[in-house]
């Protein structure tokens, strides 16, 4: 699998990761899927709602295995719903979810794997002491093991 994303779109993610540090940032990627190529058309930064009491019912099963916003993220289901609707209006679909790892490598955690779906790309940004150090994308294989995904930088007109 390959994810095609522009440098400007990567910069949106990088800027968000540095702004939100030391918490994990997160967001949604809208685009298209053609064979093994996912093309990002729009980056939608979202709020990390991990620990939000209004979502306690939705997050109840996760709070036992995960910690705080500095080491976990959750995207509000309403944000996913809105992104899905926006995608439908633009003839796009959700192709992935990005997040950051504050003071940790851009490698999926066990929690990331447990919460991932095999159709999506999962770009992870490593933010060390407030500055982005690495950007990698991951996909689950048929055995539910994360594999690093090739990143192809799009050149926009």
C-alpha atoms as a PDB file:
ATOM      1  CA  UNK A   1       0.000   0.000   0.000  1.00  0.00           C
ATOM      2  CA  UNK A   2       1.011   3.565  -0.700  1.00  0.00           C
ATOM      3  CA  UNK A   3      -0.394   6.801   0.650  1.00  0.00           C
ATOM      4  CA  UNK A   4      -0.064   9.851  -1.596  1.00  0.00           C
ATOM      5  CA  UNK A   5      -0.052  13.098   0.361  1.00  0.00           C
ATOM      6  CA  UNK A   6       1.230  16.576  -0.461  1.00  0.00           C
ATOM      7  CA  UNK A   7       3.958  18.368   1.440  1.00  0.00           C
ATOM      8  CA  UNK A   8       1.383  21.051   2.366  1.00  0.00           C
ATOM      9  CA  UNK A   9      -0.906  18.387   3.843  1.00  0.00           C
ATOM     10  CA  UNK A  10       1.985  16.873   5.794  1.00  0.00           C
ATOM     11  CA  UNK A  11       2.779  20.380   7.068  1.00  0.00           C
ATOM     12  CA  UNK A  12      -0.785  20.740   8.401  1.00  0.00           C
ATOM     13  CA  UNK A  13      -0.274  17.546  10.412  1.00  0.00           C
ATOM     14  CA  UNK A  14       3.211  18.589  11.588  1.00  0.00           C
ATOM     15  CA  UNK A  15       1.985  22.038  12.668  1.00  0.00           C
ATOM     16  CA  UNK A  16      -0.933  20.499  14.551  1.00  0.00           C
ATOM     17  CA  UNK A  17       1.329  17.982  16.302  1.00  0.00           C
ATOM     18  CA  UNK A  18       3.675  20.732  17.490  1.00  0.00           C
ATOM     19  CA  UNK A  19       0.773  22.978  18.595  1.00  0.00           C
ATOM     20  CA  UNK A  20      -0.894  20.243  20.666  1.00  0.00           C
ATOM     21  CA  UNK A  21       2.320  18.859  22.221  1.00  0.00           C
ATOM     22  CA  UNK A  22       2.685  17.401  24.880  1.00  0.00           C
ATOM     23  CA  UNK A  23      -0.705  15.846  24.129  1.00  0.00           C
ATOM     24  CA  UNK A  24      -1.385  13.621  21.137  1.00  0.00           C
ATOM     25  CA  UNK A  25      -2.957  15.372  18.189  1.00  0.00           C
ATOM     26  CA  UNK A  26      -5.308  13.532  15.868  1.00  0.00           C
ATOM     27  CA  UNK A  27      -7.337  13.923  12.748  1.00  0.00           C
ATOM     28  CA  UNK A  28      -9.002  12.449   9.710  1.00  0.00           C
ATOM     29  CA  UNK A  29      -7.756  12.059   6.148  1.00  0.00           C
ATOM     30  CA  UNK A  30     -10.268  12.291   3.303  1.00  0.00           C
ATOM     31  CA  UNK A  31      -9.383  11.101  -0.153  1.00  0.00           C
ATOM     32  CA  UNK A  32      -9.698   8.325  -2.671  1.00  0.00           C
ATOM     33  CA  UNK A  33      -8.660   4.691  -2.823  1.00  0.00           C
ATOM     34  CA  UNK A  34      -7.660   3.115  -6.103  1.00  0.00           C
ATOM     35  CA  UNK A  35      -6.204  -0.372  -5.792  1.00  0.00           C
ATOM     36  CA  UNK A  36      -3.301  -0.160  -3.369  1.00  0.00           C
ATOM     37  CA  UNK A  37      -3.040   3.659  -3.601  1.00  0.00           C
ATOM     38  CA  UNK A  38      -4.723   5.999  -1.137  1.00  0.00           C
ATOM     39  CA  UNK A  39      -4.630   9.639  -2.212  1.00  0.00           C
ATOM     40  CA  UNK A  40      -5.204  12.278   0.459  1.00  0.00           C
ATOM     41  CA  UNK A  41      -7.332  15.195  -0.716  1.00  0.00           C
ATOM     42  CA  UNK A  42      -8.125  16.845   2.623  1.00  0.00           C
ATOM     43  CA  UNK A  43      -6.618  16.798   6.120  1.00  0.00           C
ATOM     44  CA  UNK A  44      -9.122  17.434   8.917  1.00  0.00           C
ATOM     45  CA  UNK A  45      -7.497  18.101  12.313  1.00  0.00           C
ATOM     46  CA  UNK A  46      -9.786  17.086  15.177  1.00  0.00           C
ATOM     47  CA  UNK A  47      -9.852  17.510  18.929  1.00  0.00           C
ATOM     48  CA  UNK A  48      -8.406  14.707  21.027  1.00  0.00           C
ATOM     49  CA  UNK A  49     -11.398  13.836  23.210  1.00  0.00           C
ATOM     50  CA  UNK A  50      -9.660  11.134  25.230  1.00  0.00           C
ATOM     51  CA  UNK A  51     -11.038  11.238  28.760  1.00  0.00           C
ATOM     52  CA  UNK A  52     -14.000  13.453  27.850  1.00  0.00           C
ATOM     53  CA  UNK A  53     -16.733  12.638  30.411  1.00  0.00           C
ATOM     54  CA  UNK A  54     -19.437  13.220  27.771  1.00  0.00           C
ATOM     55  CA  UNK A  55     -18.046  10.236  25.852  1.00  0.00           C
ATOM     56  CA  UNK A  56     -17.646   7.976  28.884  1.00  0.00           C
ATOM     57  CA  UNK A  57     -20.069   5.386  27.494  1.00  0.00           C
ATOM     58  CA  UNK A  58     -18.255   5.235  24.150  1.00  0.00           C
ATOM     59  CA  UNK A  59     -14.807   5.095  25.758  1.00  0.00           C
ATOM     60  CA  UNK A  60     -15.671   2.856  28.719  1.00  0.00           C
ATOM     61  CA  UNK A  61     -13.936  -0.225  27.364  1.00  0.00           C
ATOM     62  CA  UNK A  62     -10.807   1.739  26.455  1.00  0.00           C
ATOM     63  CA  UNK A  63     -10.153   3.548  29.711  1.00  0.00           C
ATOM     64  CA  UNK A  64      -9.006   0.332  31.355  1.00  0.00           C
ATOM     65  CA  UNK A  65      -6.190  -0.236  28.866  1.00  0.00           C
ATOM     66  CA  UNK A  66      -5.206   3.323  27.991  1.00  0.00           C
ATOM     67  CA  UNK A  67      -4.026   6.368  29.866  1.00  0.00           C
ATOM     68  CA  UNK A  68      -4.159  10.136  29.188  1.00  0.00           C
ATOM     69  CA  UNK A  69      -4.071  12.527  26.217  1.00  0.00           C
ATOM     70  CA  UNK A  70      -0.279  12.543  26.430  1.00  0.00           C
ATOM     71  CA  UNK A  71      -0.240   8.893  25.399  1.00  0.00           C
ATOM     72  CA  UNK A  72      -3.655   8.191  23.817  1.00  0.00           C
ATOM     73  CA  UNK A  73      -6.156   9.783  21.482  1.00  0.00           C
ATOM     74  CA  UNK A  74      -9.767   9.398  20.494  1.00  0.00           C
ATOM     75  CA  UNK A  75     -11.660  11.219  17.782  1.00  0.00           C
ATOM     76  CA  UNK A  76     -15.217  12.208  18.668  1.00  0.00           C
ATOM     77  CA  UNK A  77     -17.660   9.954  16.796  1.00  0.00           C
ATOM     78  CA  UNK A  78     -19.522  13.120  15.716  1.00  0.00           C
ATOM     79  CA  UNK A  79     -16.329  14.383  14.006  1.00  0.00           C
ATOM     80  CA  UNK A  80     -16.060  11.083  12.127  1.00  0.00           C
ATOM     81  CA  UNK A  81     -19.720  11.332  11.153  1.00  0.00           C
ATOM     82  CA  UNK A  82     -19.226  14.907   9.864  1.00  0.00           C
ATOM     83  CA  UNK A  83     -16.101  13.895   7.925  1.00  0.00           C
ATOM     84  CA  UNK A  84     -17.976  10.957   6.399  1.00  0.00           C
ATOM     85  CA  UNK A  85     -20.790  13.295   5.325  1.00  0.00           C
ATOM     86  CA  UNK A  86     -18.317  15.839   3.926  1.00  0.00           C
ATOM     87  CA  UNK A  87     -16.556  13.059   2.053  1.00  0.00           C
ATOM     88  CA  UNK A  88     -19.829  11.843   0.588  1.00  0.00           C
ATOM     89  CA  UNK A  89     -20.657  15.400  -0.542  1.00  0.00           C
ATOM     90  CA  UNK A  90     -17.230  15.684  -2.232  1.00  0.00           C
ATOM     91  CA  UNK A  91     -17.232  12.095  -3.540  1.00  0.00           C
ATOM     92  CA  UNK A  92     -14.380  11.223  -1.163  1.00  0.00           C
ATOM     93  CA  UNK A  93     -14.032   8.765   1.679  1.00  0.00           C
ATOM     94  CA  UNK A  94     -12.080   8.473   4.882  1.00  0.00           C
ATOM     95  CA  UNK A  95      -8.718   6.965   3.921  1.00  0.00           C
ATOM     96  CA  UNK A  96      -6.969   7.270   7.279  1.00  0.00           C
ATOM     97  CA  UNK A  97      -6.499   8.738  10.710  1.00  0.00           C
ATOM     98  CA  UNK A  98      -3.361  10.560  11.834  1.00  0.00           C
ATOM     99  CA  UNK A  99      -2.013  11.154  15.311  1.00  0.00           C
ATOM    100  CA  UNK A 100       1.176  12.095  17.097  1.00  0.00           C
ATOM    101  CA  UNK A 101       3.418  10.339  19.584  1.00  0.00           C
ATOM    102  CA  UNK A 102       4.807  12.903  22.043  1.00  0.00           C
ATOM    103  CA  UNK A 103       8.385  12.045  23.020  1.00  0.00           C
ATOM    104  CA  UNK A 104       8.039   8.639  21.374  1.00  0.00           C
ATOM    105  CA  UNK A 105       8.921   7.165  17.973  1.00  0.00           C
ATOM    106  CA  UNK A 106       6.523   7.205  15.016  1.00  0.00           C
ATOM    107  CA  UNK A 107       5.765   3.517  15.554  1.00  0.00           C
ATOM    108  CA  UNK A 108       2.293   2.153  16.394  1.00  0.00           C
ATOM    109  CA  UNK A 109       1.645   1.190  19.994  1.00  0.00           C
ATOM    110  CA  UNK A 110      -0.250  -1.894  21.102  1.00  0.00           C
ATOM    111  CA  UNK A 111      -3.237   0.368  21.777  1.00  0.00           C
ATOM    112  CA  UNK A 112      -2.948   1.799  18.235  1.00  0.00           C
ATOM    113  CA  UNK A 113      -3.092  -1.730  16.849  1.00  0.00           C
ATOM    114  CA  UNK A 114      -5.999  -2.768  19.036  1.00  0.00           C
ATOM    115  CA  UNK A 115      -8.071   0.197  17.850  1.00  0.00           C
ATOM    116  CA  UNK A 116      -7.092   0.134  14.161  1.00  0.00           C
ATOM    117  CA  UNK A 117      -9.113  -1.036  11.170  1.00  0.00           C
ATOM    118  CA  UNK A 118      -7.417  -2.709   8.237  1.00  0.00           C
ATOM    119  CA  UNK A 119      -8.800  -0.437   5.493  1.00  0.00           C
ATOM    120  CA  UNK A 120      -7.212   2.772   6.784  1.00  0.00           C
ATOM    121  CA  UNK A 121      -3.785   4.384   6.772  1.00  0.00           C
ATOM    122  CA  UNK A 122      -2.380   5.536  10.106  1.00  0.00           C
ATOM    123  CA  UNK A 123       0.237   8.277   9.745  1.00  0.00           C
ATOM    124  CA  UNK A 124       2.074   8.835  13.034  1.00  0.00           C
ATOM    125  CA  UNK A 125       4.179  11.888  13.821  1.00  0.00           C
ATOM    126  CA  UNK A 126       6.979  11.632  16.372  1.00  0.00           C
ATOM    127  CA  UNK A 127       7.267  14.868  18.384  1.00  0.00           C
ATOM    128  CA  UNK A 128      10.368  15.100  20.553  1.00  0.00           C
ATOM    129  CA  UNK A 129      10.477  17.988  23.037  1.00  0.00           C
ATOM    130  CA  UNK A 130       7.930  19.927  21.002  1.00  0.00           C
ATOM    131  CA  UNK A 131       9.495  19.466  17.539  1.00  0.00           C
ATOM    132  CA  UNK A 132       8.485  16.915  14.925  1.00  0.00           C
ATOM    133  CA  UNK A 133      11.302  14.446  14.285  1.00  0.00           C
ATOM    134  CA  UNK A 134       9.686  11.771  12.126  1.00  0.00           C
ATOM    135  CA  UNK A 135       6.612  11.050  10.019  1.00  0.00           C
ATOM    136  CA  UNK A 136       5.647   7.494   9.040  1.00  0.00           C
ATOM    137  CA  UNK A 137       2.467   5.851   7.848  1.00  0.00           C
ATOM    138  CA  UNK A 138       1.221   2.390   8.749  1.00  0.00           C
ATOM    139  CA  UNK A 139      -1.403  -0.102   7.592  1.00  0.00           C
ATOM    140  CA  UNK A 140      -2.609  -3.360   9.073  1.00  0.00           C
ATOM    141  CA  UNK A 141      -1.854  -6.486   7.075  1.00  0.00           C
ATOM    142  CA  UNK A 142      -4.067  -9.581   6.816  1.00  0.00           C
ATOM    143  CA  UNK A 143      -2.669 -10.821  10.157  1.00  0.00           C
ATOM    144  CA  UNK A 144      -3.519  -7.515  11.902  1.00  0.00           C
ATOM    145  CA  UNK A 145       0.156  -6.576  12.135  1.00  0.00           C
ATOM    146  CA  UNK A 146       1.153  -3.021  11.288  1.00  0.00           C
ATOM    147  CA  UNK A 147       3.362  -2.670   8.233  1.00  0.00           C
ATOM    148  CA  UNK A 148       5.049   0.569   7.275  1.00  0.00           C
ATOM    149  CA  UNK A 149       3.344   2.133   4.288  1.00  0.00           C
ATOM    150  CA  UNK A 150       5.148   3.894   1.480  1.00  0.00           C
ATOM    151  CA  UNK A 151       4.566   7.665   1.430  1.00  0.00           C
ATOM    152  CA  UNK A 152       4.438   9.312  -1.984  1.00  0.00           C
ATOM    153  CA  UNK A 153       4.642  13.116  -1.891  1.00  0.00           C
ATOM    154  CA  UNK A 154       2.122  14.703  -4.244  1.00  0.00           C
ATOM    155  CA  UNK A 155       3.056  17.808  -6.163  1.00  0.00           C
ATOM    156  CA  UNK A 156       0.090  20.131  -6.295  1.00  0.00           C
ATOM    157  CA  UNK A 157      -0.344  22.678  -9.109  1.00  0.00           C
END
